[in-house]
Amino acid sequence: MDLYEIKARGLRGPLNSREISHLFRVGYLHHRVPCKAKDEATWRTIGEFFPLLEYGIGSYTLPPDHTAATRRLSRTRLYLLLLALVGLGASYLARQAAPDSAAIPVPVRAPQTATPTVLALNN
């Protein structure tokens, strides 16, 4: 595999022809960027090394970037989980604060008799 060094801002290390083609098609590189084979001493341009590279982004699409969609999906799941935990916590606190129905004393009434009791008084 042939490796090439490129004089462009932000690029480090040698690149292969596929990486150079990708950077060219997305607009990061152009025909006049200095380039040389890794083992050579003389600098030439990308246009001299790769004469078949053409401008035109209409025929080239970037590979899909699933990281942003995955990040958004994981954030949504995190927010839903936090919302569920807050709801459970609020429910738990509401039950702790409310008095328990079994703990409330219920007054006990004396049983009522059908006939009133009359006491006779002796004088």
N, C-alpha and C. Protein backbone atom coordinates (compact mmCIF):
# COMPACT_ATOMS: atom_id res chain seq x y z
N MET A 1 0.86 -1.17 0.00
CA MET A 1 0.00 0.00 0.00
C MET A 1 0.90 1.23 0.00
N ASP A 2 0.64 2.12 -0.94
CA ASP A 2 1.43 3.34 -1.03
C ASP A 2 0.89 4.37 -0.06
N LEU A 3 1.81 5.02 0.62
CA LEU A 3 1.45 6.07 1.57
C LEU A 3 1.99 7.39 1.07
N TYR A 4 1.24 8.46 1.38
CA TYR A 4 1.58 9.79 0.90
C TYR A 4 1.55 10.76 2.07
N GLU A 5 2.45 11.72 2.04
CA GLU A 5 2.43 12.81 3.03
C GLU A 5 1.81 14.02 2.37
N ILE A 6 0.98 14.71 3.11
CA ILE A 6 0.24 15.85 2.60
C ILE A 6 0.56 17.05 3.47
N LYS A 7 0.76 18.22 2.81
CA LYS A 7 0.95 19.46 3.57
C LYS A 7 -0.39 20.18 3.63
N ALA A 8 -1.16 19.83 4.60
CA ALA A 8 -2.46 20.47 4.83
C ALA A 8 -2.66 20.59 6.33
N ARG A 9 -3.32 21.67 6.71
CA ARG A 9 -3.53 21.91 8.13
C ARG A 9 -4.44 20.84 8.72
N GLY A 10 -4.03 20.28 9.85
CA GLY A 10 -4.84 19.30 10.57
C GLY A 10 -4.58 17.85 10.19
N LEU A 11 -3.77 17.61 9.18
CA LEU A 11 -3.48 16.23 8.79
C LEU A 11 -2.16 15.80 9.39
N ARG A 12 -2.14 14.65 10.00
CA ARG A 12 -0.93 14.11 10.62
C ARG A 12 -0.67 12.73 10.04
N GLY A 13 0.58 12.45 9.81
CA GLY A 13 0.97 11.11 9.37
C GLY A 13 0.67 10.86 7.91
N PRO A 14 1.21 9.81 7.39
CA PRO A 14 0.96 9.48 5.99
C PRO A 14 -0.45 8.94 5.77
N LEU A 15 -0.98 9.19 4.57
CA LEU A 15 -2.32 8.76 4.20
C LEU A 15 -2.24 7.84 3.00
N ASN A 16 -3.20 6.94 2.87
CA ASN A 16 -3.24 6.12 1.67
C ASN A 16 -4.11 6.79 0.62
N SER A 17 -4.17 6.23 -0.58
CA SER A 17 -4.89 6.86 -1.69
C SER A 17 -6.39 6.94 -1.43
N ARG A 18 -6.94 5.97 -0.74
CA ARG A 18 -8.37 6.00 -0.43
C ARG A 18 -8.72 7.14 0.51
N GLU A 19 -7.90 7.37 1.52
CA GLU A 19 -8.13 8.49 2.46
C GLU A 19 -7.99 9.82 1.75
N ILE A 20 -7.00 9.93 0.87
CA ILE A 20 -6.82 11.17 0.11
C ILE A 20 -8.02 11.42 -0.79
N SER A 21 -8.51 10.37 -1.46
CA SER A 21 -9.68 10.50 -2.31
C SER A 21 -10.90 10.96 -1.51
N HIS A 22 -11.08 10.39 -0.35
CA HIS A 22 -12.21 10.79 0.51
C HIS A 22 -12.09 12.26 0.92
N LEU A 23 -10.92 12.68 1.36
CA LEU A 23 -10.73 14.08 1.77
C LEU A 23 -10.89 15.03 0.60
N PHE A 24 -10.51 14.60 -0.59
CA PHE A 24 -10.67 15.42 -1.78
C PHE A 24 -12.14 15.59 -2.12
N ARG A 25 -12.88 14.53 -2.09
CA ARG A 25 -14.29 14.58 -2.47
C ARG A 25 -15.16 15.34 -1.49
N VAL A 26 -14.78 15.35 -0.24
CA VAL A 26 -15.58 16.12 0.73
C VAL A 26 -15.16 17.58 0.76
N GLY A 27 -14.09 17.93 0.00
CA GLY A 27 -13.72 19.33 -0.12
C GLY A 27 -12.61 19.79 0.79
N TYR A 28 -11.99 18.88 1.51
CA TYR A 28 -10.91 19.28 2.41
C TYR A 28 -9.60 19.48 1.67
N LEU A 29 -9.40 18.76 0.59
CA LEU A 29 -8.19 18.88 -0.23
C LEU A 29 -8.56 19.34 -1.63
N HIS A 30 -7.58 19.88 -2.38
CA HIS A 30 -7.80 20.26 -3.77
C HIS A 30 -6.56 19.86 -4.58
N HIS A 31 -6.61 20.09 -5.89
CA HIS A 31 -5.54 19.64 -6.79
C HIS A 31 -4.18 20.27 -6.49
N ARG A 32 -4.14 21.47 -5.93
CA ARG A 32 -2.87 22.18 -5.73
C ARG A 32 -2.21 21.93 -4.37
N VAL A 33 -2.75 21.07 -3.56
CA VAL A 33 -2.17 20.78 -2.24
C VAL A 33 -0.88 19.99 -2.45
N PRO A 34 0.23 20.40 -1.79
CA PRO A 34 1.49 19.67 -1.92
C PRO A 34 1.39 18.26 -1.36
N CYS A 35 1.99 17.32 -2.06
CA CYS A 35 1.92 15.91 -1.71
C CYS A 35 3.20 15.24 -2.18
N LYS A 36 3.62 14.21 -1.48
CA LYS A 36 4.76 13.41 -1.91
C LYS A 36 4.59 11.99 -1.40
N ALA A 37 5.19 11.07 -2.13
CA ALA A 37 5.19 9.69 -1.66
C ALA A 37 6.06 9.62 -0.41
N LYS A 38 5.77 8.70 0.45
CA LYS A 38 6.46 8.65 1.74
C LYS A 38 7.98 8.48 1.59
N ASP A 39 8.41 7.74 0.60
CA ASP A 39 9.84 7.48 0.43
C ASP A 39 10.54 8.50 -0.46
N GLU A 40 9.82 9.37 -1.15
CA GLU A 40 10.43 10.34 -2.05
C GLU A 40 10.80 11.61 -1.31
N ALA A 41 11.66 12.42 -1.95
CA ALA A 41 12.09 13.68 -1.34
C ALA A 41 11.43 14.88 -2.01
N THR A 42 10.98 14.75 -3.24
CA THR A 42 10.41 15.89 -3.96
C THR A 42 8.90 15.98 -3.76
N TRP A 43 8.43 17.19 -3.58
CA TRP A 43 7.01 17.46 -3.39
C TRP A 43 6.38 17.73 -4.74
N ARG A 44 5.24 17.18 -4.99
CA ARG A 44 4.41 17.48 -6.15
C ARG A 44 3.02 17.84 -5.65
N THR A 45 2.04 17.89 -6.51
CA THR A 45 0.68 18.22 -6.08
C THR A 45 -0.19 16.97 -6.13
N ILE A 46 -1.34 17.06 -5.47
CA ILE A 46 -2.29 15.94 -5.51
C ILE A 46 -2.77 15.72 -6.93
N GLY A 47 -2.95 16.81 -7.69
CA GLY A 47 -3.37 16.68 -9.08
C GLY A 47 -2.39 15.89 -9.91
N GLU A 48 -1.10 15.96 -9.61
CA GLU A 48 -0.10 15.18 -10.35
C GLU A 48 -0.12 13.72 -9.93
N PHE A 49 -0.31 13.46 -8.67
CA PHE A 49 -0.37 12.07 -8.21
C PHE A 49 -1.67 11.38 -8.58
N PHE A 50 -2.76 12.11 -8.50
CA PHE A 50 -4.09 11.53 -8.73
C PHE A 50 -4.83 12.36 -9.79
N PRO A 51 -4.50 12.21 -11.07
CA PRO A 51 -5.11 13.03 -12.12
C PRO A 51 -6.59 12.72 -12.35
N LEU A 52 -7.08 11.57 -11.90
CA LEU A 52 -8.48 11.20 -12.13
C LEU A 52 -9.43 11.75 -11.07
N LEU A 53 -8.91 12.36 -10.02
CA LEU A 53 -9.79 12.94 -9.01
C LEU A 53 -10.50 14.16 -9.62
N GLU A 54 -11.80 14.19 -9.49
CA GLU A 54 -12.59 15.28 -10.04
C GLU A 54 -13.39 15.94 -8.94
N TYR A 55 -13.64 17.24 -9.16
CA TYR A 55 -14.52 17.95 -8.24
C TYR A 55 -15.95 17.56 -8.55
N GLY A 56 -16.79 17.71 -7.62
CA GLY A 56 -18.20 17.42 -7.83
C GLY A 56 -18.72 16.52 -6.74
N ILE A 57 -19.40 17.12 -5.81
CA ILE A 57 -19.88 16.36 -4.66
C ILE A 57 -21.18 15.65 -4.98
N GLY A 58 -21.80 15.98 -6.13
CA GLY A 58 -23.08 15.35 -6.46
C GLY A 58 -22.98 13.86 -6.63
N SER A 59 -21.83 13.36 -7.06
CA SER A 59 -21.69 11.93 -7.28
C SER A 59 -21.14 11.21 -6.06
N TYR A 60 -20.87 11.93 -5.00
CA TYR A 60 -20.24 11.31 -3.83
C TYR A 60 -21.06 11.63 -2.59
N THR A 61 -21.31 10.63 -1.81
CA THR A 61 -22.00 10.84 -0.54
C THR A 61 -21.12 10.37 0.59
N LEU A 62 -21.20 11.06 1.68
CA LEU A 62 -20.43 10.67 2.86
C LEU A 62 -21.00 9.41 3.47
N PRO A 63 -20.15 8.62 4.07
CA PRO A 63 -20.69 7.47 4.79
C PRO A 63 -21.57 7.94 5.94
N PRO A 64 -22.60 7.17 6.28
CA PRO A 64 -23.51 7.62 7.33
C PRO A 64 -22.81 7.70 8.68
N ASP A 65 -23.19 8.74 9.42
CA ASP A 65 -22.63 8.94 10.76
C ASP A 65 -23.71 8.58 11.76
N HIS A 66 -23.61 7.40 12.32
CA HIS A 66 -24.63 6.92 13.25
C HIS A 66 -24.38 7.39 14.67
N THR A 67 -23.25 8.01 14.92
CA THR A 67 -22.94 8.37 16.30
C THR A 67 -23.87 9.44 16.82
N ALA A 68 -24.23 10.43 15.99
CA ALA A 68 -25.11 11.50 16.46
C ALA A 68 -26.50 10.95 16.78
N ALA A 69 -27.03 10.08 15.91
CA ALA A 69 -28.34 9.50 16.16
C ALA A 69 -28.32 8.61 17.39
N THR A 70 -27.25 7.87 17.57
CA THR A 70 -27.13 7.00 18.75
C THR A 70 -27.04 7.83 20.01
N ARG A 71 -26.28 8.92 19.95
CA ARG A 71 -26.16 9.79 21.12
C ARG A 71 -27.51 10.40 21.47
N ARG A 72 -28.26 10.84 20.43
CA ARG A 72 -29.56 11.44 20.68
C ARG A 72 -30.51 10.41 21.28
N LEU A 73 -30.47 9.18 20.78
CA LEU A 73 -31.33 8.13 21.29
C LEU A 73 -30.98 7.78 22.74
N SER A 74 -29.70 7.73 23.04
CA SER A 74 -29.33 7.40 24.42
C SER A 74 -29.69 8.54 25.36
N ARG A 75 -29.60 9.78 24.92
CA ARG A 75 -30.04 10.90 25.77
C ARG A 75 -31.53 10.81 26.05
N THR A 76 -32.31 10.47 25.02
CA THR A 76 -33.76 10.34 25.21
C THR A 76 -34.06 9.24 26.22
N ARG A 77 -33.38 8.13 26.11
CA ARG A 77 -33.59 7.04 27.08
C ARG A 77 -33.19 7.47 28.48
N LEU A 78 -32.11 8.22 28.59
CA LEU A 78 -31.67 8.70 29.89
C LEU A 78 -32.71 9.63 30.50
N TYR A 79 -33.27 10.55 29.70
CA TYR A 79 -34.28 11.47 30.22
C TYR A 79 -35.53 10.72 30.65
N LEU A 80 -35.94 9.72 29.87
CA LEU A 80 -37.12 8.94 30.26
C LEU A 80 -36.87 8.16 31.54
N LEU A 81 -35.67 7.61 31.69
CA LEU A 81 -35.34 6.89 32.92
C LEU A 81 -35.35 7.83 34.12
N LEU A 82 -34.77 9.01 33.96
CA LEU A 82 -34.78 9.98 35.06
C LEU A 82 -36.20 10.42 35.41
N LEU A 83 -37.03 10.62 34.39
CA LEU A 83 -38.42 11.00 34.63
C LEU A 83 -39.16 9.90 35.39
N ALA A 84 -38.92 8.65 35.02
CA ALA A 84 -39.56 7.53 35.72
C ALA A 84 -39.10 7.45 37.16
N LEU A 85 -37.80 7.65 37.39
CA LEU A 85 -37.29 7.61 38.76
C LEU A 85 -37.86 8.74 39.62
N VAL A 86 -37.98 9.92 39.04
CA VAL A 86 -38.57 11.04 39.78
C VAL A 86 -40.03 10.73 40.11
N GLY A 87 -40.75 10.15 39.16
CA GLY A 87 -42.15 9.78 39.42
C GLY A 87 -42.28 8.74 40.52
N LEU A 88 -41.41 7.73 40.50
CA LEU A 88 -41.44 6.73 41.56
C LEU A 88 -41.09 7.32 42.91
N GLY A 89 -40.11 8.22 42.93
CA GLY A 89 -39.74 8.86 44.18
C GLY A 89 -40.86 9.72 44.74
N ALA A 90 -41.54 10.46 43.86
CA ALA A 90 -42.66 11.28 44.31
C ALA A 90 -43.80 10.41 44.83
N SER A 91 -44.05 9.30 44.17
CA SER A 91 -45.10 8.39 44.63
C SER A 91 -44.75 7.81 46.00
N TYR A 92 -43.50 7.41 46.18
CA TYR A 92 -43.06 6.86 47.46
C TYR A 92 -43.19 7.90 48.58
N LEU A 93 -42.77 9.13 48.32
CA LEU A 93 -42.87 10.18 49.34
C LEU A 93 -44.32 10.52 49.66
N ALA A 94 -45.18 10.49 48.66
CA ALA A 94 -46.60 10.78 48.91
C ALA A 94 -47.22 9.69 49.79
N ARG A 95 -46.84 8.45 49.58
CA ARG A 95 -47.37 7.37 50.41
C ARG A 95 -46.82 7.44 51.84
N GLN A 96 -45.57 7.86 52.00
CA GLN A 96 -45.00 7.97 53.33
C GLN A 96 -45.63 9.12 54.11
N ALA A 97 -45.96 10.20 53.41
CA ALA A 97 -46.52 11.37 54.09
C ALA A 97 -47.99 11.17 54.44
N ALA A 98 -48.74 10.41 53.66
CA ALA A 98 -50.16 10.20 53.91
C ALA A 98 -50.33 9.23 55.08
N PRO A 99 -51.29 9.50 55.98
CA PRO A 99 -51.51 8.58 57.09
C PRO A 99 -52.06 7.25 56.59
N ASP A 100 -51.64 6.20 57.21
CA ASP A 100 -52.10 4.86 56.85
C ASP A 100 -53.50 4.66 57.39
N SER A 101 -54.39 4.08 56.60
CA SER A 101 -55.80 3.93 57.03
C SER A 101 -55.92 2.97 58.21
N ALA A 102 -55.01 2.03 58.35
CA ALA A 102 -55.08 1.09 59.48
C ALA A 102 -54.61 1.75 60.76
N ALA A 103 -53.84 2.82 60.68
CA ALA A 103 -53.31 3.45 61.88
C ALA A 103 -54.29 4.45 62.49
N ILE A 104 -55.33 4.83 61.78
CA ILE A 104 -56.29 5.80 62.30
C ILE A 104 -57.26 5.07 63.24
N PRO A 105 -57.36 5.55 64.50
CA PRO A 105 -58.29 4.87 65.41
C PRO A 105 -59.74 5.16 65.02
N VAL A 106 -60.51 4.12 64.99
CA VAL A 106 -61.94 4.24 64.69
C VAL A 106 -62.69 4.12 65.99
N PRO A 107 -63.55 5.11 66.32
CA PRO A 107 -64.28 5.01 67.58
C PRO A 107 -65.23 3.82 67.55
N VAL A 108 -65.24 3.11 68.69
CA VAL A 108 -66.10 1.93 68.81
C VAL A 108 -67.36 2.37 69.54
N ARG A 109 -68.47 2.09 68.95
CA ARG A 109 -69.75 2.45 69.57
C ARG A 109 -70.29 1.25 70.35
N ALA A 110 -70.94 1.58 71.42
CA ALA A 110 -71.56 0.51 72.23
C ALA A 110 -72.76 -0.03 71.48
N PRO A 111 -72.98 -1.30 71.59
CA PRO A 111 -74.14 -1.85 70.87
C PRO A 111 -75.43 -1.30 71.47
N GLN A 112 -76.34 -0.99 70.61
CA GLN A 112 -77.63 -0.45 71.06
C GLN A 112 -78.62 -1.60 71.22
N THR A 113 -79.39 -1.48 72.31
CA THR A 113 -80.41 -2.51 72.57
C THR A 113 -81.72 -2.08 71.97
N ALA A 114 -82.57 -3.03 71.74
CA ALA A 114 -83.85 -2.72 71.11
C ALA A 114 -84.82 -2.04 72.07
N THR A 115 -84.79 -2.40 73.38
CA THR A 115 -85.70 -1.79 74.33
C THR A 115 -84.88 -1.05 75.37
N PRO A 116 -85.33 0.14 75.72
CA PRO A 116 -84.58 0.87 76.73
C PRO A 116 -84.77 0.20 78.10
N THR A 117 -83.76 0.26 78.90
CA THR A 117 -83.78 -0.32 80.22
C THR A 117 -84.32 0.72 81.20
N VAL A 118 -85.32 0.33 81.98
CA VAL A 118 -85.93 1.23 82.95
C VAL A 118 -85.57 0.73 84.34
N LEU A 119 -85.07 1.64 85.11
CA LEU A 119 -84.72 1.26 86.46
C LEU A 119 -85.88 1.67 87.40
N ALA A 120 -86.21 0.77 88.26
CA ALA A 120 -87.29 1.07 89.19
C ALA A 120 -86.65 1.62 90.45
N LEU A 121 -87.20 2.70 90.89
CA LEU A 121 -86.70 3.32 92.10
C LEU A 121 -87.68 3.02 93.25
N ASN A 122 -87.22 2.53 94.33
CA ASN A 122 -88.06 2.23 95.50
C ASN A 122 -87.96 3.40 96.46
N ASN A 123 -89.17 3.92 96.80
CA ASN A 123 -89.22 4.98 97.77
C ASN A 123 -89.82 4.54 99.03
